[in-house]
Amino acid sequence: LIRGHFSWFLLYLIVSVCTLGIGAIIMPFIYNGIYIKHLLNKGYKANDNVAKNILQSKGYIA
């Protein structure tokens, strides 16, 4: 909610309720990837080669 992604909060809440909490374990990993892509699309960049290599190895940047 702090980041302003209310739709993801609602989806997270629905998934957590429907899966009796199991979704609460999985959704943070999915959302973190989505948020990283969101920041990269806004123009954020890795500030050093280590971070850049990690983003490349995970497939977030080419």
PDB file of N, CA and C in Angstrom:
ATOM      1  N   LEU A   1       0.812  -1.192   0.000  1.00  0.00           N
ATOM      2  CA  LEU A   1       0.000   0.000   0.000  1.00  0.00           C
ATOM      3  C   LEU A   1       0.859   1.261   0.000  1.00  0.00           C
ATOM      4  N   ILE A   2       2.031   1.157   0.582  1.00  0.00           N
ATOM      5  CA  ILE A   2       2.912   2.321   0.624  1.00  0.00           C
ATOM      6  C   ILE A   2       3.353   2.709  -0.782  1.00  0.00           C
ATOM      7  N   ARG A   3       3.552   1.728  -1.633  1.00  0.00           N
ATOM      8  CA  ARG A   3       4.009   1.987  -2.996  1.00  0.00           C
ATOM      9  C   ARG A   3       2.877   2.436  -3.909  1.00  0.00           C
ATOM     10  N   GLY A   4       1.652   2.388  -3.450  1.00  0.00           N
ATOM     11  CA  GLY A   4       0.521   2.831  -4.243  1.00  0.00           C
ATOM     12  C   GLY A   4      -0.036   1.788  -5.185  1.00  0.00           C
ATOM     13  N   HIS A   5       0.282   0.539  -4.965  1.00  0.00           N
ATOM     14  CA  HIS A   5      -0.199  -0.534  -5.833  1.00  0.00           C
ATOM     15  C   HIS A   5      -1.386  -1.233  -5.180  1.00  0.00           C
ATOM     16  N   PHE A   6      -2.513  -0.538  -5.152  1.00  0.00           N
ATOM     17  CA  PHE A   6      -3.704  -1.053  -4.483  1.00  0.00           C
ATOM     18  C   PHE A   6      -4.274  -2.278  -5.188  1.00  0.00           C
ATOM     19  N   SER A   7      -4.181  -2.321  -6.506  1.00  0.00           N
ATOM     20  CA  SER A   7      -4.713  -3.475  -7.233  1.00  0.00           C
ATOM     21  C   SER A   7      -3.931  -4.738  -6.886  1.00  0.00           C
ATOM     22  N   TRP A   8      -2.613  -4.623  -6.715  1.00  0.00           N
ATOM     23  CA  TRP A   8      -1.818  -5.791  -6.326  1.00  0.00           C
ATOM     24  C   TRP A   8      -2.133  -6.205  -4.895  1.00  0.00           C
ATOM     25  N   PHE A   9      -2.421  -5.237  -4.038  1.00  0.00           N
ATOM     26  CA  PHE A   9      -2.822  -5.565  -2.672  1.00  0.00           C
ATOM     27  C   PHE A   9      -4.114  -6.366  -2.672  1.00  0.00           C
ATOM     28  N   LEU A  10      -5.075  -5.929  -3.470  1.00  0.00           N
ATOM     29  CA  LEU A  10      -6.346  -6.655  -3.535  1.00  0.00           C
ATOM     30  C   LEU A  10      -6.151  -8.061  -4.087  1.00  0.00           C
ATOM     31  N   LEU A  11      -5.343  -8.200  -5.123  1.00  0.00           N
ATOM     32  CA  LEU A  11      -5.058  -9.524  -5.675  1.00  0.00           C
ATOM     33  C   LEU A  11      -4.361 -10.394  -4.635  1.00  0.00           C
ATOM     34  N   TYR A  12      -3.391  -9.837  -3.942  1.00  0.00           N
ATOM     35  CA  TYR A  12      -2.665 -10.554  -2.886  1.00  0.00           C
ATOM     36  C   TYR A  12      -3.631 -11.023  -1.801  1.00  0.00           C
ATOM     37  N   LEU A  13      -4.539 -10.147  -1.401  1.00  0.00           N
ATOM     38  CA  LEU A  13      -5.517 -10.480  -0.367  1.00  0.00           C
ATOM     39  C   LEU A  13      -6.440 -11.599  -0.821  1.00  0.00           C
ATOM     40  N   ILE A  14      -6.930 -11.516  -2.041  1.00  0.00           N
ATOM     41  CA  ILE A  14      -7.835 -12.543  -2.571  1.00  0.00           C
ATOM     42  C   ILE A  14      -7.121 -13.886  -2.674  1.00  0.00           C
ATOM     43  N   VAL A  15      -5.906 -13.878  -3.203  1.00  0.00           N
ATOM     44  CA  VAL A  15      -5.146 -15.129  -3.337  1.00  0.00           C
ATOM     45  C   VAL A  15      -4.861 -15.724  -1.963  1.00  0.00           C
ATOM     46  N   SER A  16      -4.509 -14.888  -1.001  1.00  0.00           N
ATOM     47  CA  SER A  16      -4.209 -15.384   0.340  1.00  0.00           C
ATOM     48  C   SER A  16      -5.431 -16.008   0.999  1.00  0.00           C
ATOM     49  N   VAL A  17      -6.578 -15.387   0.835  1.00  0.00           N
ATOM     50  CA  VAL A  17      -7.804 -15.918   1.431  1.00  0.00           C
ATOM     51  C   VAL A  17      -8.214 -17.212   0.736  1.00  0.00           C
ATOM     52  N   CYS A  18      -8.155 -17.237  -0.576  1.00  0.00           N
ATOM     53  CA  CYS A  18      -8.590 -18.422  -1.331  1.00  0.00           C
ATOM     54  C   CYS A  18      -7.668 -19.624  -1.130  1.00  0.00           C
ATOM     55  N   THR A  19      -6.395 -19.381  -0.868  1.00  0.00           N
ATOM     56  CA  THR A  19      -5.459 -20.494  -0.693  1.00  0.00           C
ATOM     57  C   THR A  19      -5.153 -20.752   0.779  1.00  0.00           C
ATOM     58  N   LEU A  20      -5.933 -20.156   1.655  1.00  0.00           N
ATOM     59  CA  LEU A  20      -5.774 -20.323   3.104  1.00  0.00           C
ATOM     60  C   LEU A  20      -4.366 -19.973   3.581  1.00  0.00           C
ATOM     61  N   GLY A  21      -3.803 -18.935   3.019  1.00  0.00           N
ATOM     62  CA  GLY A  21      -2.511 -18.426   3.455  1.00  0.00           C
ATOM     63  C   GLY A  21      -1.314 -18.914   2.666  1.00  0.00           C
ATOM     64  N   ILE A  22      -1.471 -19.955   1.876  1.00  0.00           N
ATOM     65  CA  ILE A  22      -0.338 -20.459   1.097  1.00  0.00           C
ATOM     66  C   ILE A  22       0.108 -19.416   0.072  1.00  0.00           C
ATOM     67  N   GLY A  23      -0.836 -18.690  -0.474  1.00  0.00           N
ATOM     68  CA  GLY A  23      -0.502 -17.635  -1.426  1.00  0.00           C
ATOM     69  C   GLY A  23       0.341 -16.539  -0.804  1.00  0.00           C
ATOM     70  N   ALA A  24       0.218 -16.364   0.518  1.00  0.00           N
ATOM     71  CA  ALA A  24       1.009 -15.345   1.209  1.00  0.00           C
ATOM     72  C   ALA A  24       2.487 -15.697   1.213  1.00  0.00           C
ATOM     73  N   ILE A  25       2.810 -16.953   1.009  1.00  0.00           N
ATOM     74  CA  ILE A  25       4.205 -17.375   0.940  1.00  0.00           C
ATOM     75  C   ILE A  25       4.759 -17.173  -0.466  1.00  0.00           C
ATOM     76  N   ILE A  26       3.939 -17.360  -1.475  1.00  0.00           N
ATOM     77  CA  ILE A  26       4.384 -17.326  -2.871  1.00  0.00           C
ATOM     78  C   ILE A  26       4.305 -15.924  -3.481  1.00  0.00           C
ATOM     79  N   MET A  27       3.267 -15.183  -3.170  1.00  0.00           N
ATOM     80  CA  MET A  27       3.030 -13.885  -3.805  1.00  0.00           C
ATOM     81  C   MET A  27       4.162 -12.870  -3.636  1.00  0.00           C
ATOM     82  N   PRO A  28       4.856 -12.786  -2.503  1.00  0.00           N
ATOM     83  CA  PRO A  28       5.940 -11.795  -2.405  1.00  0.00           C
ATOM     84  C   PRO A  28       7.033 -11.992  -3.452  1.00  0.00           C
ATOM     85  N   PHE A  29       7.353 -13.241  -3.775  1.00  0.00           N
ATOM     86  CA  PHE A  29       8.375 -13.498  -4.780  1.00  0.00           C
ATOM     87  C   PHE A  29       7.900 -13.038  -6.156  1.00  0.00           C
ATOM     88  N   ILE A  30       6.653 -13.282  -6.462  1.00  0.00           N
ATOM     89  CA  ILE A  30       6.082 -12.860  -7.743  1.00  0.00           C
ATOM     90  C   ILE A  30       6.027 -11.338  -7.810  1.00  0.00           C
ATOM     91  N   TYR A  31       5.551 -10.712  -6.727  1.00  0.00           N
ATOM     92  CA  TYR A  31       5.402  -9.262  -6.714  1.00  0.00           C
ATOM     93  C   TYR A  31       6.755  -8.558  -6.793  1.00  0.00           C
ATOM     94  N   ASN A  32       7.775  -9.087  -6.141  1.00  0.00           N
ATOM     95  CA  ASN A  32       9.093  -8.447  -6.206  1.00  0.00           C
ATOM     96  C   ASN A  32       9.600  -8.374  -7.638  1.00  0.00           C
ATOM     97  N   GLY A  33       9.410  -9.434  -8.405  1.00  0.00           N
ATOM     98  CA  GLY A  33       9.805  -9.411  -9.812  1.00  0.00           C
ATOM     99  C   GLY A  33       9.026  -8.376 -10.602  1.00  0.00           C
ATOM    100  N   ILE A  34       7.736  -8.292 -10.326  1.00  0.00           N
ATOM    101  CA  ILE A  34       6.893  -7.311 -11.009  1.00  0.00           C
ATOM    102  C   ILE A  34       7.326  -5.896 -10.641  1.00  0.00           C
ATOM    103  N   TYR A  35       7.649  -5.675  -9.368  1.00  0.00           N
ATOM    104  CA  TYR A  35       8.052  -4.346  -8.922  1.00  0.00           C
ATOM    105  C   TYR A  35       9.408  -3.945  -9.507  1.00  0.00           C
ATOM    106  N   ILE A  36      10.325  -4.896  -9.624  1.00  0.00           N
ATOM    107  CA  ILE A  36      11.620  -4.606 -10.246  1.00  0.00           C
ATOM    108  C   ILE A  36      11.414  -4.177 -11.695  1.00  0.00           C
ATOM    109  N   LYS A  37      10.568  -4.894 -12.426  1.00  0.00           N
ATOM    110  CA  LYS A  37      10.275  -4.518 -13.816  1.00  0.00           C
ATOM    111  C   LYS A  37       9.639  -3.137 -13.880  1.00  0.00           C
ATOM    112  N   HIS A  38       8.753  -2.837 -12.935  1.00  0.00           N
ATOM    113  CA  HIS A  38       8.093  -1.533 -12.874  1.00  0.00           C
ATOM    114  C   HIS A  38       9.131  -0.418 -12.696  1.00  0.00           C
ATOM    115  N   LEU A  39      10.059  -0.616 -11.774  1.00  0.00           N
ATOM    116  CA  LEU A  39      11.088   0.400 -11.542  1.00  0.00           C
ATOM    117  C   LEU A  39      11.995   0.573 -12.752  1.00  0.00           C
ATOM    118  N   LEU A  40      12.363  -0.524 -13.397  1.00  0.00           N
ATOM    119  CA  LEU A  40      13.214  -0.430 -14.584  1.00  0.00           C
ATOM    120  C   LEU A  40      12.494   0.297 -15.713  1.00  0.00           C
ATOM    121  N   ASN A  41      11.188   0.073 -15.844  1.00  0.00           N
ATOM    122  CA  ASN A  41      10.408   0.772 -16.872  1.00  0.00           C
ATOM    123  C   ASN A  41      10.287   2.261 -16.570  1.00  0.00           C
ATOM    124  N   LYS A  42      10.341   2.639 -15.287  1.00  0.00           N
ATOM    125  CA  LYS A  42      10.284   4.048 -14.905  1.00  0.00           C
ATOM    126  C   LYS A  42      11.616   4.758 -15.123  1.00  0.00           C
ATOM    127  N   GLY A  43      12.664   3.993 -15.441  1.00  0.00           N
ATOM    128  CA  GLY A  43      13.947   4.614 -15.713  1.00  0.00           C
ATOM    129  C   GLY A  43      15.028   4.331 -14.684  1.00  0.00           C
ATOM    130  N   TYR A  44      14.710   3.586 -13.656  1.00  0.00           N
ATOM    131  CA  TYR A  44      15.732   3.234 -12.674  1.00  0.00           C
ATOM    132  C   TYR A  44      16.767   2.320 -13.317  1.00  0.00           C
ATOM    133  N   LYS A  45      18.002   2.438 -12.867  1.00  0.00           N
ATOM    134  CA  LYS A  45      19.092   1.627 -13.413  1.00  0.00           C
ATOM    135  C   LYS A  45      19.930   1.081 -12.265  1.00  0.00           C
ATOM    136  N   ALA A  46      20.652   0.009 -12.554  1.00  0.00           N
ATOM    137  CA  ALA A  46      21.574  -0.553 -11.568  1.00  0.00           C
ATOM    138  C   ALA A  46      22.693   0.451 -11.318  1.00  0.00           C
ATOM    139  N   ASN A  47      23.092   0.593 -10.050  1.00  0.00           N
ATOM    140  CA  ASN A  47      24.100   1.608  -9.748  1.00  0.00           C
ATOM    141  C   ASN A  47      25.529   1.076  -9.750  1.00  0.00           C
ATOM    142  N   ASP A  48      25.702  -0.233  -9.938  1.00  0.00           N
ATOM    143  CA  ASP A  48      27.048  -0.780 -10.068  1.00  0.00           C
ATOM    144  C   ASP A  48      27.011  -2.054 -10.904  1.00  0.00           C
ATOM    145  N   ASN A  49      28.182  -2.573 -11.224  1.00  0.00           N
ATOM    146  CA  ASN A  49      28.262  -3.748 -12.092  1.00  0.00           C
ATOM    147  C   ASN A  49      27.710  -5.003 -11.439  1.00  0.00           C
ATOM    148  N   VAL A  50      27.837  -5.107 -10.123  1.00  0.00           N
ATOM    149  CA  VAL A  50      27.314  -6.287  -9.424  1.00  0.00           C
ATOM    150  C   VAL A  50      25.797  -6.346  -9.575  1.00  0.00           C
ATOM    151  N   ALA A  51      25.131  -5.228  -9.313  1.00  0.00           N
ATOM    152  CA  ALA A  51      23.673  -5.176  -9.450  1.00  0.00           C
ATOM    153  C   ALA A  51      23.256  -5.401 -10.899  1.00  0.00           C
ATOM    154  N   LYS A  52      24.007  -4.829 -11.828  1.00  0.00           N
ATOM    155  CA  LYS A  52      23.702  -5.008 -13.249  1.00  0.00           C
ATOM    156  C   LYS A  52      23.822  -6.472 -13.649  1.00  0.00           C
ATOM    157  N   ASN A  53      24.856  -7.149 -13.170  1.00  0.00           N
ATOM    158  CA  ASN A  53      25.036  -8.568 -13.479  1.00  0.00           C
ATOM    159  C   ASN A  53      23.914  -9.417 -12.892  1.00  0.00           C
ATOM    160  N   ILE A  54      23.458  -9.071 -11.700  1.00  0.00           N
ATOM    161  CA  ILE A  54      22.347  -9.808 -11.087  1.00  0.00           C
ATOM    162  C   ILE A  54      21.082  -9.621 -11.905  1.00  0.00           C
ATOM    163  N   LEU A  55      20.791  -8.386 -12.302  1.00  0.00           N
ATOM    164  CA  LEU A  55      19.597  -8.127 -13.114  1.00  0.00           C
ATOM    165  C   LEU A  55      19.676  -8.856 -14.450  1.00  0.00           C
ATOM    166  N   GLN A  56      20.859  -8.911 -15.038  1.00  0.00           N
ATOM    167  CA  GLN A  56      21.032  -9.632 -16.301  1.00  0.00           C
ATOM    168  C   GLN A  56      20.858 -11.129 -16.104  1.00  0.00           C
ATOM    169  N   SER A  57      21.401 -11.673 -15.036  1.00  0.00           N
ATOM    170  CA  SER A  57      21.291 -13.119 -14.807  1.00  0.00           C
ATOM    171  C   SER A  57      19.857 -13.542 -14.526  1.00  0.00           C
ATOM    172  N   LYS A  58      19.063 -12.642 -13.955  1.00  0.00           N
ATOM    173  CA  LYS A  58      17.657 -12.940 -13.675  1.00  0.00           C
ATOM    174  C   LYS A  58      16.750 -12.637 -14.863  1.00  0.00           C
ATOM    175  N   GLY A  59      17.307 -12.026 -15.912  1.00  0.00           N
ATOM    176  CA  GLY A  59      16.538 -11.760 -17.113  1.00  0.00           C
ATOM    177  C   GLY A  59      15.749 -10.466 -17.096  1.00  0.00           C
ATOM    178  N   TYR A  60      16.060  -9.562 -16.172  1.00  0.00           N
ATOM    179  CA  TYR A  60      15.339  -8.297 -16.111  1.00  0.00           C
ATOM    180  C   TYR A  60      15.849  -7.289 -17.133  1.00  0.00           C
ATOM    181  N   ILE A  61      17.141  -7.357 -17.448  1.00  0.00           N
ATOM    182  CA  ILE A  61      17.716  -6.482 -18.466  1.00  0.00           C
ATOM    183  C   ILE A  61      18.572  -7.321 -19.401  1.00  0.00           C
ATOM    184  N   ALA A  62      18.803  -6.769 -20.586  1.00  0.00           N
ATOM    185  CA  ALA A  62      19.603  -7.506 -21.589  1.00  0.00           C
ATOM    186  C   ALA A  62      21.068  -7.225 -21.439  1.00  0.00           C
TER     187      ALA A  62
END
